[in-house]
């Protein structure tokens, strides 16, 4: 059942708040809705809604309006209702269906941004360095204070605050990605990222369900490939090497490795699963294939093996299989 209480409260807040929306926020949200250079406006939008109550309330009201429309809990024209709110030019001339599609994309990009804040240290630092531009400070002492805060870095989110709040960022990511999927149920990229968030929250079974949904039901091969890779990684972490091996072999058989170089690392993953299954000859055969056909991946594979002494020991224990590797990389098995 739809919770009208939250909807009514959010709408009351956004309609009675005295301040107008910040121009910087409107500009970034517009770029996010248009799908322009998604990472930059997503990062700035995240920082802004974490720092500016008025803009955060406005964004929540838009989301609730769209979800209520999608669930048919609030009948009538979505575009008409949104035009009554501040920031009405964000949706000028758009049909209800187009608004839902664009908002689903924006929710996905923002949900992904929250997930990266929680799990990617480099992205976290970029977010923490993003200045917060709040338009209310335009004159007098307030303007001086805002300028001083920007100069000193005080107008930025603390990296430490964000880092220690990782679980909360994942909760927000989960919510936003879930909303994107409610607006656009076949949104494969959003479902893959939702699986990643579920994994990060320690919910492997639901993560597997999300990845399998994409793997089995989406038409786009690249999305199926990404979902398959994530499935393989979960299976590997759970110690289910045979299942991981089968899914990685599917990626190769699909032609993605040959057509898309970014998938070539799957060949090394196959080596890992063979070694985990104590099948050094099969691992050696795949390593030879990598060396002959993927020279850039070969150097990475050697480094990865160096960092995994148990797997390297399994490979080295089979003298016949590892003989050619010992000649090609004599330092690999050095004591």
C-alpha atoms as a PDB file:
ATOM      1  CA  UNK A   1       0.000   0.000   0.000  1.00  0.00           C
ATOM      2  CA  UNK A   2       1.283   3.474  -0.839  1.00  0.00           C
ATOM      3  CA  UNK A   3       2.208   5.653   2.148  1.00  0.00           C
ATOM      4  CA  UNK A   4       0.319   8.900   1.549  1.00  0.00           C
ATOM      5  CA  UNK A   5       1.603  10.375   4.820  1.00  0.00           C
ATOM      6  CA  UNK A   6       5.156  10.684   3.514  1.00  0.00           C
ATOM      7  CA  UNK A   7       3.868  12.047   0.230  1.00  0.00           C
ATOM      8  CA  UNK A   8       1.691  14.721   1.849  1.00  0.00           C
ATOM      9  CA  UNK A   9       4.432  15.767   4.298  1.00  0.00           C
ATOM     10  CA  UNK A  10       7.021  16.077   1.531  1.00  0.00           C
ATOM     11  CA  UNK A  11       4.694  18.128  -0.653  1.00  0.00           C
ATOM     12  CA  UNK A  12       3.763  20.405   2.250  1.00  0.00           C
ATOM     13  CA  UNK A  13       7.462  21.024   2.985  1.00  0.00           C
ATOM     14  CA  UNK A  14       8.423  21.810  -0.581  1.00  0.00           C
ATOM     15  CA  UNK A  15       5.431  24.085  -1.172  1.00  0.00           C
ATOM     16  CA  UNK A  16       5.831  26.107   2.029  1.00  0.00           C
ATOM     17  CA  UNK A  17       9.639  26.445   2.186  1.00  0.00           C
ATOM     18  CA  UNK A  18      10.511  30.148   1.828  1.00  0.00           C
ATOM     19  CA  UNK A  19      13.665  29.819  -0.272  1.00  0.00           C
ATOM     20  CA  UNK A  20      13.890  29.166  -3.991  1.00  0.00           C
ATOM     21  CA  UNK A  21      15.929  26.298  -5.366  1.00  0.00           C
ATOM     22  CA  UNK A  22      19.657  26.851  -5.692  1.00  0.00           C
ATOM     23  CA  UNK A  23      20.642  27.551  -9.281  1.00  0.00           C
ATOM     24  CA  UNK A  24      23.638  25.212  -9.080  1.00  0.00           C
ATOM     25  CA  UNK A  25      21.384  22.379  -7.950  1.00  0.00           C
ATOM     26  CA  UNK A  26      18.851  23.036 -10.725  1.00  0.00           C
ATOM     27  CA  UNK A  27      21.662  23.105 -13.282  1.00  0.00           C
ATOM     28  CA  UNK A  28      23.163  19.805 -12.094  1.00  0.00           C
ATOM     29  CA  UNK A  29      19.788  18.095 -11.738  1.00  0.00           C
ATOM     30  CA  UNK A  30      18.869  19.226 -15.249  1.00  0.00           C
ATOM     31  CA  UNK A  31      22.128  17.762 -16.602  1.00  0.00           C
ATOM     32  CA  UNK A  32      21.452  14.552 -14.674  1.00  0.00           C
ATOM     33  CA  UNK A  33      17.949  14.280 -16.131  1.00  0.00           C
ATOM     34  CA  UNK A  34      19.339  14.898 -19.612  1.00  0.00           C
ATOM     35  CA  UNK A  35      22.034  12.232 -19.142  1.00  0.00           C
ATOM     36  CA  UNK A  36      24.892  14.685 -19.773  1.00  0.00           C
ATOM     37  CA  UNK A  37      28.297  13.645 -18.367  1.00  0.00           C
ATOM     38  CA  UNK A  38      26.542  11.682 -15.663  1.00  0.00           C
ATOM     39  CA  UNK A  39      29.340  11.334 -13.082  1.00  0.00           C
ATOM     40  CA  UNK A  40      30.007  15.052 -12.560  1.00  0.00           C
ATOM     41  CA  UNK A  41      26.394  16.215 -12.043  1.00  0.00           C
ATOM     42  CA  UNK A  42      25.629  13.076 -10.018  1.00  0.00           C
ATOM     43  CA  UNK A  43      28.550  13.806  -7.697  1.00  0.00           C
ATOM     44  CA  UNK A  44      27.553  17.453  -7.308  1.00  0.00           C
ATOM     45  CA  UNK A  45      23.875  16.605  -6.831  1.00  0.00           C
ATOM     46  CA  UNK A  46      24.803  14.128  -4.077  1.00  0.00           C
ATOM     47  CA  UNK A  47      26.854  16.755  -2.274  1.00  0.00           C
ATOM     48  CA  UNK A  48      24.100  19.342  -2.618  1.00  0.00           C
ATOM     49  CA  UNK A  49      21.234  17.244  -1.293  1.00  0.00           C
ATOM     50  CA  UNK A  50      23.464  16.199   1.616  1.00  0.00           C
ATOM     51  CA  UNK A  51      24.107  19.873   2.401  1.00  0.00           C
ATOM     52  CA  UNK A  52      20.991  21.872   1.439  1.00  0.00           C
ATOM     53  CA  UNK A  53      17.688  21.022   3.130  1.00  0.00           C
ATOM     54  CA  UNK A  54      15.496  22.951   0.682  1.00  0.00           C
ATOM     55  CA  UNK A  55      16.898  21.275  -2.426  1.00  0.00           C
ATOM     56  CA  UNK A  56      16.845  17.857  -0.734  1.00  0.00           C
ATOM     57  CA  UNK A  57      13.141  18.317   0.114  1.00  0.00           C
ATOM     58  CA  UNK A  58      12.386  19.386  -3.453  1.00  0.00           C
ATOM     59  CA  UNK A  59      14.144  16.339  -4.889  1.00  0.00           C
ATOM     60  CA  UNK A  60      12.289  14.049  -2.466  1.00  0.00           C
ATOM     61  CA  UNK A  61       8.970  15.609  -3.524  1.00  0.00           C
ATOM     62  CA  UNK A  62       9.752  14.971  -7.216  1.00  0.00           C
ATOM     63  CA  UNK A  63      10.593  11.342  -6.457  1.00  0.00           C
ATOM     64  CA  UNK A  64       7.439  10.806  -4.426  1.00  0.00           C
ATOM     65  CA  UNK A  65       5.287  12.441  -7.116  1.00  0.00           C
ATOM     66  CA  UNK A  66       6.760  10.141  -9.766  1.00  0.00           C
ATOM     67  CA  UNK A  67       6.444   7.003  -7.630  1.00  0.00           C
ATOM     68  CA  UNK A  68       2.846   7.867  -6.710  1.00  0.00           C
ATOM     69  CA  UNK A  69       2.046   8.385 -10.389  1.00  0.00           C
ATOM     70  CA  UNK A  70       3.763   5.121 -11.388  1.00  0.00           C
ATOM     71  CA  UNK A  71       1.894   3.191  -8.686  1.00  0.00           C
ATOM     72  CA  UNK A  72      -1.381   4.952  -9.635  1.00  0.00           C
ATOM     73  CA  UNK A  73      -1.757   6.023  -6.015  1.00  0.00           C
ATOM     74  CA  UNK A  74      -2.132   9.688  -7.016  1.00  0.00           C
ATOM     75  CA  UNK A  75      -4.176   9.867 -10.253  1.00  0.00           C
ATOM     76  CA  UNK A  76      -3.869  12.645 -12.820  1.00  0.00           C
ATOM     77  CA  UNK A  77      -1.149  14.255 -14.885  1.00  0.00           C
ATOM     78  CA  UNK A  78       2.348  14.080 -13.416  1.00  0.00           C
ATOM     79  CA  UNK A  79       3.645  16.901 -15.632  1.00  0.00           C
ATOM     80  CA  UNK A  80       0.822  19.183 -14.470  1.00  0.00           C
ATOM     81  CA  UNK A  81       1.596  18.534 -10.803  1.00  0.00           C
ATOM     82  CA  UNK A  82       5.302  19.084 -11.268  1.00  0.00           C
ATOM     83  CA  UNK A  83       4.707  22.415 -13.015  1.00  0.00           C
ATOM     84  CA  UNK A  84       3.141  23.670  -9.783  1.00  0.00           C
ATOM     85  CA  UNK A  85       6.413  23.095  -7.958  1.00  0.00           C
ATOM     86  CA  UNK A  86       9.569  25.181  -7.965  1.00  0.00           C
ATOM     87  CA  UNK A  87      12.030  24.207 -10.648  1.00  0.00           C
ATOM     88  CA  UNK A  88       9.150  23.677 -13.075  1.00  0.00           C
ATOM     89  CA  UNK A  89      11.370  24.308 -16.124  1.00  0.00           C
ATOM     90  CA  UNK A  90      13.145  21.023 -15.390  1.00  0.00           C
ATOM     91  CA  UNK A  91      10.211  19.176 -16.974  1.00  0.00           C
ATOM     92  CA  UNK A  92       8.875  21.748 -19.446  1.00  0.00           C
ATOM     93  CA  UNK A  93       7.348  20.182 -22.533  1.00  0.00           C
ATOM     94  CA  UNK A  94       7.874  16.588 -21.364  1.00  0.00           C
ATOM     95  CA  UNK A  95       5.195  13.900 -21.293  1.00  0.00           C
ATOM     96  CA  UNK A  96       4.569  11.893 -18.144  1.00  0.00           C
ATOM     97  CA  UNK A  97       6.295   8.869 -19.689  1.00  0.00           C
ATOM     98  CA  UNK A  98       9.379  10.904 -20.598  1.00  0.00           C
ATOM     99  CA  UNK A  99       9.542  12.391 -17.097  1.00  0.00           C
ATOM    100  CA  UNK A 100       9.465   8.897 -15.570  1.00  0.00           C
ATOM    101  CA  UNK A 101      12.181   7.661 -17.954  1.00  0.00           C
ATOM    102  CA  UNK A 102      14.478  10.618 -17.268  1.00  0.00           C
ATOM    103  CA  UNK A 103      13.913  10.503 -13.544  1.00  0.00           C
ATOM    104  CA  UNK A 104      14.672   6.762 -13.484  1.00  0.00           C
ATOM    105  CA  UNK A 105      18.010   7.521 -15.159  1.00  0.00           C
ATOM    106  CA  UNK A 106      18.755  10.298 -12.654  1.00  0.00           C
ATOM    107  CA  UNK A 107      17.878   8.051  -9.708  1.00  0.00           C
ATOM    108  CA  UNK A 108      20.161   5.352 -11.126  1.00  0.00           C
ATOM    109  CA  UNK A 109      23.091   7.756 -11.519  1.00  0.00           C
ATOM    110  CA  UNK A 110      22.594   9.142  -8.022  1.00  0.00           C
ATOM    111  CA  UNK A 111      22.155   5.670  -6.516  1.00  0.00           C
ATOM    112  CA  UNK A 112      25.370   4.603  -8.227  1.00  0.00           C
ATOM    113  CA  UNK A 113      27.115   7.691  -6.824  1.00  0.00           C
ATOM    114  CA  UNK A 114      26.078   6.796  -3.258  1.00  0.00           C
ATOM    115  CA  UNK A 115      27.286   3.216  -3.815  1.00  0.00           C
ATOM    116  CA  UNK A 116      30.672   4.460  -5.026  1.00  0.00           C
ATOM    117  CA  UNK A 117      30.990   6.855  -2.081  1.00  0.00           C
ATOM    118  CA  UNK A 118      30.589   3.853   0.210  1.00  0.00           C
ATOM    119  CA  UNK A 119      32.941   1.489  -1.651  1.00  0.00           C
ATOM    120  CA  UNK A 120      35.416   3.434  -3.821  1.00  0.00           C
ATOM    121  CA  UNK A 121      38.051   5.476  -1.999  1.00  0.00           C
ATOM    122  CA  UNK A 122      39.035   7.537  -5.053  1.00  0.00           C
ATOM    123  CA  UNK A 123      35.427   8.459  -5.805  1.00  0.00           C
ATOM    124  CA  UNK A 124      34.869   9.265  -2.124  1.00  0.00           C
ATOM    125  CA  UNK A 125      37.697  11.807  -2.233  1.00  0.00           C
ATOM    126  CA  UNK A 126      36.303  13.443  -5.377  1.00  0.00           C
ATOM    127  CA  UNK A 127      32.928  13.797  -3.664  1.00  0.00           C
ATOM    128  CA  UNK A 128      34.466  15.182  -0.476  1.00  0.00           C
ATOM    129  CA  UNK A 129      36.325  17.822  -2.498  1.00  0.00           C
ATOM    130  CA  UNK A 130      33.161  19.035  -4.247  1.00  0.00           C
ATOM    131  CA  UNK A 131      32.190  22.569  -3.130  1.00  0.00           C
ATOM    132  CA  UNK A 132      28.620  23.222  -1.993  1.00  0.00           C
ATOM    133  CA  UNK A 133      27.146  26.262  -3.726  1.00  0.00           C
ATOM    134  CA  UNK A 134      24.042  27.538  -1.919  1.00  0.00           C
ATOM    135  CA  UNK A 135      22.499  30.536  -3.624  1.00  0.00           C
ATOM    136  CA  UNK A 136      20.933  32.149  -0.567  1.00  0.00           C
ATOM    137  CA  UNK A 137      24.267  33.694   0.412  1.00  0.00           C
ATOM    138  CA  UNK A 138      24.353  36.640  -1.989  1.00  0.00           C
ATOM    139  CA  UNK A 139      25.007  39.784  -0.004  1.00  0.00           C
ATOM    140  CA  UNK A 140      26.251  41.255   3.261  1.00  0.00           C
ATOM    141  CA  UNK A 141      27.768  39.232   6.076  1.00  0.00           C
ATOM    142  CA  UNK A 142      26.205  35.995   4.849  1.00  0.00           C
ATOM    143  CA  UNK A 143      28.016  36.337   1.530  1.00  0.00           C
ATOM    144  CA  UNK A 144      31.319  36.994   3.316  1.00  0.00           C
ATOM    145  CA  UNK A 145      30.825  33.949   5.527  1.00  0.00           C
ATOM    146  CA  UNK A 146      29.982  31.731   2.562  1.00  0.00           C
ATOM    147  CA  UNK A 147      32.998  32.977   0.610  1.00  0.00           C
ATOM    148  CA  UNK A 148      35.299  32.336   3.559  1.00  0.00           C
ATOM    149  CA  UNK A 149      33.840  28.833   3.976  1.00  0.00           C
ATOM    150  CA  UNK A 150      34.475  28.028   0.319  1.00  0.00           C
ATOM    151  CA  UNK A 151      38.037  29.369   0.492  1.00  0.00           C
ATOM    152  CA  UNK A 152      38.832  27.325   3.588  1.00  0.00           C
ATOM    153  CA  UNK A 153      37.149  24.167   2.348  1.00  0.00           C
ATOM    154  CA  UNK A 154      34.549  24.295   5.117  1.00  0.00           C
ATOM    155  CA  UNK A 155      31.794  24.316   2.481  1.00  0.00           C
ATOM    156  CA  UNK A 156      32.694  20.767   1.509  1.00  0.00           C
ATOM    157  CA  UNK A 157      31.606  17.442   2.887  1.00  0.00           C
ATOM    158  CA  UNK A 158      34.149  15.747   5.113  1.00  0.00           C
ATOM    159  CA  UNK A 159      35.716  12.622   3.609  1.00  0.00           C
ATOM    160  CA  UNK A 160      35.931  11.155   7.100  1.00  0.00           C
ATOM    161  CA  UNK A 161      32.214  11.788   7.705  1.00  0.00           C
ATOM    162  CA  UNK A 162      31.318  10.087   4.440  1.00  0.00           C
ATOM    163  CA  UNK A 163      33.715   7.199   5.044  1.00  0.00           C
ATOM    164  CA  UNK A 164      32.371   6.450   8.523  1.00  0.00           C
ATOM    165  CA  UNK A 165      28.817   6.696   7.207  1.00  0.00           C
ATOM    166  CA  UNK A 166      29.332   4.067   4.489  1.00  0.00           C
ATOM    167  CA  UNK A 167      26.472   1.835   5.648  1.00  0.00           C
ATOM    168  CA  UNK A 168      24.078   4.790   5.475  1.00  0.00           C
ATOM    169  CA  UNK A 169      25.309   5.660   1.971  1.00  0.00           C
ATOM    170  CA  UNK A 170      24.565   2.075   0.904  1.00  0.00           C
ATOM    171  CA  UNK A 171      21.056   2.353   2.353  1.00  0.00           C
ATOM    172  CA  UNK A 172      20.480   5.521   0.324  1.00  0.00           C
ATOM    173  CA  UNK A 173      21.896   3.853  -2.776  1.00  0.00           C
ATOM    174  CA  UNK A 174      19.611   0.863  -2.246  1.00  0.00           C
ATOM    175  CA  UNK A 175      16.572   3.142  -1.941  1.00  0.00           C
ATOM    176  CA  UNK A 176      17.374   5.217  -5.031  1.00  0.00           C
ATOM    177  CA  UNK A 177      18.166   2.205  -7.203  1.00  0.00           C
ATOM    178  CA  UNK A 178      14.967   0.533  -6.012  1.00  0.00           C
ATOM    179  CA  UNK A 179      13.009   3.642  -6.977  1.00  0.00           C
ATOM    180  CA  UNK A 180      14.676   3.708 -10.402  1.00  0.00           C
ATOM    181  CA  UNK A 181      13.513   0.121 -10.928  1.00  0.00           C
ATOM    182  CA  UNK A 182       9.981   0.941  -9.805  1.00  0.00           C
ATOM    183  CA  UNK A 183       9.859   3.654 -12.460  1.00  0.00           C
ATOM    184  CA  UNK A 184      11.594   1.465 -15.080  1.00  0.00           C
ATOM    185  CA  UNK A 185      11.357  -2.239 -14.129  1.00  0.00           C
ATOM    186  CA  UNK A 186      13.555  -3.472 -17.011  1.00  0.00           C
ATOM    187  CA  UNK A 187      16.415  -1.099 -16.159  1.00  0.00           C
ATOM    188  CA  UNK A 188      19.263  -3.640 -16.356  1.00  0.00           C
ATOM    189  CA  UNK A 189      22.085  -1.299 -15.297  1.00  0.00           C
ATOM    190  CA  UNK A 190      20.177  -0.231 -12.179  1.00  0.00           C
ATOM    191  CA  UNK A 191      19.504  -3.861 -11.259  1.00  0.00           C
ATOM    192  CA  UNK A 192      23.180  -4.776 -11.669  1.00  0.00           C
ATOM    193  CA  UNK A 193      24.192  -1.928  -9.368  1.00  0.00           C
ATOM    194  CA  UNK A 194      21.470  -2.942  -6.915  1.00  0.00           C
ATOM    195  CA  UNK A 195      23.073  -6.384  -6.848  1.00  0.00           C
ATOM    196  CA  UNK A 196      26.430  -4.749  -6.097  1.00  0.00           C
ATOM    197  CA  UNK A 197      24.880  -2.792  -3.209  1.00  0.00           C
ATOM    198  CA  UNK A 198      23.231  -5.948  -1.842  1.00  0.00           C
ATOM    199  CA  UNK A 199      26.614  -7.691  -1.977  1.00  0.00           C
ATOM    200  CA  UNK A 200      28.229  -4.783  -0.144  1.00  0.00           C
ATOM    201  CA  UNK A 201      25.528  -5.060   2.509  1.00  0.00           C
ATOM    202  CA  UNK A 202      26.345  -8.766   2.951  1.00  0.00           C
ATOM    203  CA  UNK A 203      23.175 -10.052   1.275  1.00  0.00           C
ATOM    204  CA  UNK A 204      24.641 -12.505  -1.239  1.00  0.00           C
ATOM    205  CA  UNK A 205      21.443 -14.431  -1.966  1.00  0.00           C
ATOM    206  CA  UNK A 206      19.491 -11.341  -3.015  1.00  0.00           C
ATOM    207  CA  UNK A 207      22.502 -10.076  -4.965  1.00  0.00           C
ATOM    208  CA  UNK A 208      22.583 -13.366  -6.897  1.00  0.00           C
ATOM    209  CA  UNK A 209      18.856 -13.002  -7.613  1.00  0.00           C
ATOM    210  CA  UNK A 210      19.406  -9.482  -8.984  1.00  0.00           C
ATOM    211  CA  UNK A 211      22.290 -10.572 -11.231  1.00  0.00           C
ATOM    212  CA  UNK A 212      20.401 -13.637 -12.445  1.00  0.00           C
ATOM    213  CA  UNK A 213      17.395 -11.505 -13.312  1.00  0.00           C
ATOM    214  CA  UNK A 214      19.554  -9.458 -15.669  1.00  0.00           C
ATOM    215  CA  UNK A 215      21.505 -12.444 -16.964  1.00  0.00           C
ATOM    216  CA  UNK A 216      18.378 -14.417 -17.843  1.00  0.00           C
ATOM    217  CA  UNK A 217      16.004 -11.696 -18.975  1.00  0.00           C
ATOM    218  CA  UNK A 218      17.769  -8.746 -20.570  1.00  0.00           C
ATOM    219  CA  UNK A 219      18.272  -8.633 -24.332  1.00  0.00           C
ATOM    220  CA  UNK A 220      21.485  -6.613 -24.374  1.00  0.00           C
ATOM    221  CA  UNK A 221      24.517  -8.911 -24.461  1.00  0.00           C
ATOM    222  CA  UNK A 222      26.867  -6.480 -22.706  1.00  0.00           C
ATOM    223  CA  UNK A 223      24.513  -6.197 -19.724  1.00  0.00           C
ATOM    224  CA  UNK A 224      24.200  -9.986 -19.616  1.00  0.00           C
ATOM    225  CA  UNK A 225      27.994 -10.148 -19.600  1.00  0.00           C
ATOM    226  CA  UNK A 226      28.354  -7.708 -16.718  1.00  0.00           C
ATOM    227  CA  UNK A 227      25.718  -9.596 -14.733  1.00  0.00           C
ATOM    228  CA  UNK A 228      27.493 -12.896 -15.471  1.00  0.00           C
ATOM    229  CA  UNK A 229      30.831 -11.518 -14.274  1.00  0.00           C
ATOM    230  CA  UNK A 230      29.268 -10.335 -11.032  1.00  0.00           C
ATOM    231  CA  UNK A 231      27.633 -13.742 -10.540  1.00  0.00           C
ATOM    232  CA  UNK A 232      31.002 -15.385 -11.051  1.00  0.00           C
ATOM    233  CA  UNK A 233      32.633 -13.133  -8.492  1.00  0.00           C
ATOM    234  CA  UNK A 234      29.962 -13.919  -5.904  1.00  0.00           C
ATOM    235  CA  UNK A 235      30.238 -17.658  -6.553  1.00  0.00           C
ATOM    236  CA  UNK A 236      34.038 -17.450  -6.250  1.00  0.00           C
ATOM    237  CA  UNK A 237      33.807 -15.636  -2.934  1.00  0.00           C
ATOM    238  CA  UNK A 238      31.361 -18.275  -1.676  1.00  0.00           C
ATOM    239  CA  UNK A 239      33.811 -21.015  -2.659  1.00  0.00           C
ATOM    240  CA  UNK A 240      31.552 -22.327  -5.463  1.00  0.00           C
ATOM    241  CA  UNK A 241      34.329 -22.526  -8.055  1.00  0.00           C
ATOM    242  CA  UNK A 242      32.541 -24.929 -10.402  1.00  0.00           C
ATOM    243  CA  UNK A 243      29.595 -22.529 -10.765  1.00  0.00           C
ATOM    244  CA  UNK A 244      31.946 -19.581 -11.188  1.00  0.00           C
ATOM    245  CA  UNK A 245      33.866 -21.463 -13.876  1.00  0.00           C
ATOM    246  CA  UNK A 246      30.680 -22.251 -15.806  1.00  0.00           C
ATOM    247  CA  UNK A 247      29.548 -18.645 -15.822  1.00  0.00           C
ATOM    248  CA  UNK A 248      32.987 -17.350 -16.893  1.00  0.00           C
ATOM    249  CA  UNK A 249      33.051 -19.898 -19.711  1.00  0.00           C
ATOM    250  CA  UNK A 250      29.680 -18.558 -20.869  1.00  0.00           C
ATOM    251  CA  UNK A 251      31.182 -15.057 -21.108  1.00  0.00           C
ATOM    252  CA  UNK A 252      33.919 -16.421 -23.376  1.00  0.00           C
ATOM    253  CA  UNK A 253      31.478 -18.489 -25.461  1.00  0.00           C
ATOM    254  CA  UNK A 254      29.207 -15.454 -25.915  1.00  0.00           C
ATOM    255  CA  UNK A 255      31.964 -13.705 -27.890  1.00  0.00           C
ATOM    256  CA  UNK A 256      32.228 -10.782 -25.466  1.00  0.00           C
ATOM    257  CA  UNK A 257      35.905 -11.387 -24.672  1.00  0.00           C
ATOM    258  CA  UNK A 258      36.782 -11.294 -28.384  1.00  0.00           C
ATOM    259  CA  UNK A 259      34.621  -8.242 -29.106  1.00  0.00           C
ATOM    260  CA  UNK A 260      35.049  -6.217 -25.921  1.00  0.00           C
ATOM    261  CA  UNK A 261      38.635  -6.016 -24.536  1.00  0.00           C
ATOM    262  CA  UNK A 262      37.341  -4.915 -21.129  1.00  0.00           C
ATOM    263  CA  UNK A 263      36.014  -8.468 -20.621  1.00  0.00           C
ATOM    264  CA  UNK A 264      39.381 -10.161 -21.244  1.00  0.00           C
ATOM    265  CA  UNK A 265      40.125 -10.369 -17.495  1.00  0.00           C
ATOM    266  CA  UNK A 266      37.558 -13.198 -17.398  1.00  0.00           C
ATOM    267  CA  UNK A 267      40.270 -15.429 -18.922  1.00  0.00           C
ATOM    268  CA  UNK A 268      42.383 -14.922 -15.812  1.00  0.00           C
ATOM    269  CA  UNK A 269      39.343 -15.618 -13.643  1.00  0.00           C
ATOM    270  CA  UNK A 270      39.042 -18.964 -15.442  1.00  0.00           C
ATOM    271  CA  UNK A 271      42.674 -19.695 -14.510  1.00  0.00           C
ATOM    272  CA  UNK A 272      41.866 -18.920 -10.870  1.00  0.00           C
ATOM    273  CA  UNK A 273      38.849 -21.235 -10.793  1.00  0.00           C
ATOM    274  CA  UNK A 274      40.800 -24.102 -12.421  1.00  0.00           C
ATOM    275  CA  UNK A 275      43.482 -23.731  -9.766  1.00  0.00           C
ATOM    276  CA  UNK A 276      40.864 -23.561  -7.010  1.00  0.00           C
ATOM    277  CA  UNK A 277      39.553 -26.874  -8.386  1.00  0.00           C
ATOM    278  CA  UNK A 278      43.123 -28.275  -8.327  1.00  0.00           C
ATOM    279  CA  UNK A 279      43.223 -28.550 -12.138  1.00  0.00           C
ATOM    280  CA  UNK A 280      46.681 -27.171 -12.918  1.00  0.00           C
ATOM    281  CA  UNK A 281      46.809 -28.530 -16.514  1.00  0.00           C
ATOM    282  CA  UNK A 282      43.630 -26.651 -17.479  1.00  0.00           C
ATOM    283  CA  UNK A 283      44.922 -23.504 -15.752  1.00  0.00           C
ATOM    284  CA  UNK A 284      48.237 -23.804 -17.587  1.00  0.00           C
ATOM    285  CA  UNK A 285      46.459 -24.234 -20.923  1.00  0.00           C
ATOM    286  CA  UNK A 286      44.453 -21.024 -20.365  1.00  0.00           C
ATOM    287  CA  UNK A 287      47.589 -19.148 -19.271  1.00  0.00           C
ATOM    288  CA  UNK A 288      49.278 -20.181 -22.513  1.00  0.00           C
ATOM    289  CA  UNK A 289      46.263 -18.883 -24.433  1.00  0.00           C
ATOM    290  CA  UNK A 290      46.533 -15.568 -22.561  1.00  0.00           C
ATOM    291  CA  UNK A 291      50.272 -15.301 -23.272  1.00  0.00           C
ATOM    292  CA  UNK A 292      49.813 -16.005 -26.982  1.00  0.00           C
ATOM    293  CA  UNK A 293      46.790 -13.808 -27.632  1.00  0.00           C
ATOM    294  CA  UNK A 294      46.489 -11.230 -24.814  1.00  0.00           C
ATOM    295  CA  UNK A 295      50.002  -9.896 -24.051  1.00  0.00           C
ATOM    296  CA  UNK A 296      48.804  -6.977 -21.921  1.00  0.00           C
ATOM    297  CA  UNK A 297      46.648  -9.310 -19.836  1.00  0.00           C
ATOM    298  CA  UNK A 298      49.592 -11.732 -19.503  1.00  0.00           C
ATOM    299  CA  UNK A 299      51.673  -9.282 -17.475  1.00  0.00           C
ATOM    300  CA  UNK A 300      48.679  -8.586 -15.226  1.00  0.00           C
ATOM    301  CA  UNK A 301      48.014 -12.306 -14.807  1.00  0.00           C
ATOM    302  CA  UNK A 302      51.585 -12.862 -13.652  1.00  0.00           C
ATOM    303  CA  UNK A 303      51.244 -10.097 -11.072  1.00  0.00           C
ATOM    304  CA  UNK A 304      47.924 -11.500  -9.873  1.00  0.00           C
ATOM    305  CA  UNK A 305      49.476 -14.946  -9.477  1.00  0.00           C
ATOM    306  CA  UNK A 306      52.367 -13.472  -7.479  1.00  0.00           C
ATOM    307  CA  UNK A 307      49.841 -11.998  -5.082  1.00  0.00           C
ATOM    308  CA  UNK A 308      48.057 -15.352  -4.639  1.00  0.00           C
ATOM    309  CA  UNK A 309      50.711 -17.757  -3.218  1.00  0.00           C
ATOM    310  CA  UNK A 310      48.255 -20.631  -2.640  1.00  0.00           C
ATOM    311  CA  UNK A 311      47.143 -20.632  -6.281  1.00  0.00           C
ATOM    312  CA  UNK A 312      50.728 -20.250  -7.465  1.00  0.00           C
ATOM    313  CA  UNK A 313      51.758 -23.224  -5.332  1.00  0.00           C
ATOM    314  CA  UNK A 314      49.015 -25.360  -6.914  1.00  0.00           C
ATOM    315  CA  UNK A 315      50.268 -24.401 -10.369  1.00  0.00           C
ATOM    316  CA  UNK A 316      53.924 -24.987  -9.489  1.00  0.00           C
ATOM    317  CA  UNK A 317      53.250 -28.401  -7.949  1.00  0.00           C
ATOM    318  CA  UNK A 318      52.389 -29.793 -11.387  1.00  0.00           C
ATOM    319  CA  UNK A 319      55.857 -29.844 -12.977  1.00  0.00           C
ATOM    320  CA  UNK A 320      54.650 -30.890 -16.441  1.00  0.00           C
ATOM    321  CA  UNK A 321      52.018 -28.142 -16.668  1.00  0.00           C
ATOM    322  CA  UNK A 322      54.232 -25.408 -15.302  1.00  0.00           C
ATOM    323  CA  UNK A 323      57.418 -26.260 -17.253  1.00  0.00           C
ATOM    324  CA  UNK A 324      56.794 -23.738 -20.015  1.00  0.00           C
ATOM    325  CA  UNK A 325      55.792 -21.048 -17.492  1.00  0.00           C
ATOM    326  CA  UNK A 326      59.059 -21.596 -15.600  1.00  0.00           C
ATOM    327  CA  UNK A 327      60.938 -20.919 -18.841  1.00  0.00           C
ATOM    328  CA  UNK A 328      58.819 -17.910 -19.793  1.00  0.00           C
ATOM    329  CA  UNK A 329      58.788 -16.376 -16.286  1.00  0.00           C
ATOM    330  CA  UNK A 330      61.673 -17.922 -14.313  1.00  0.00           C
ATOM    331  CA  UNK A 331      61.268 -15.485 -11.444  1.00  0.00           C
ATOM    332  CA  UNK A 332      57.644 -16.446 -10.859  1.00  0.00           C
ATOM    333  CA  UNK A 333      58.458 -19.613  -8.894  1.00  0.00           C
ATOM    334  CA  UNK A 334      61.667 -18.321  -7.309  1.00  0.00           C
ATOM    335  CA  UNK A 335      61.869 -18.838  -3.579  1.00  0.00           C
END
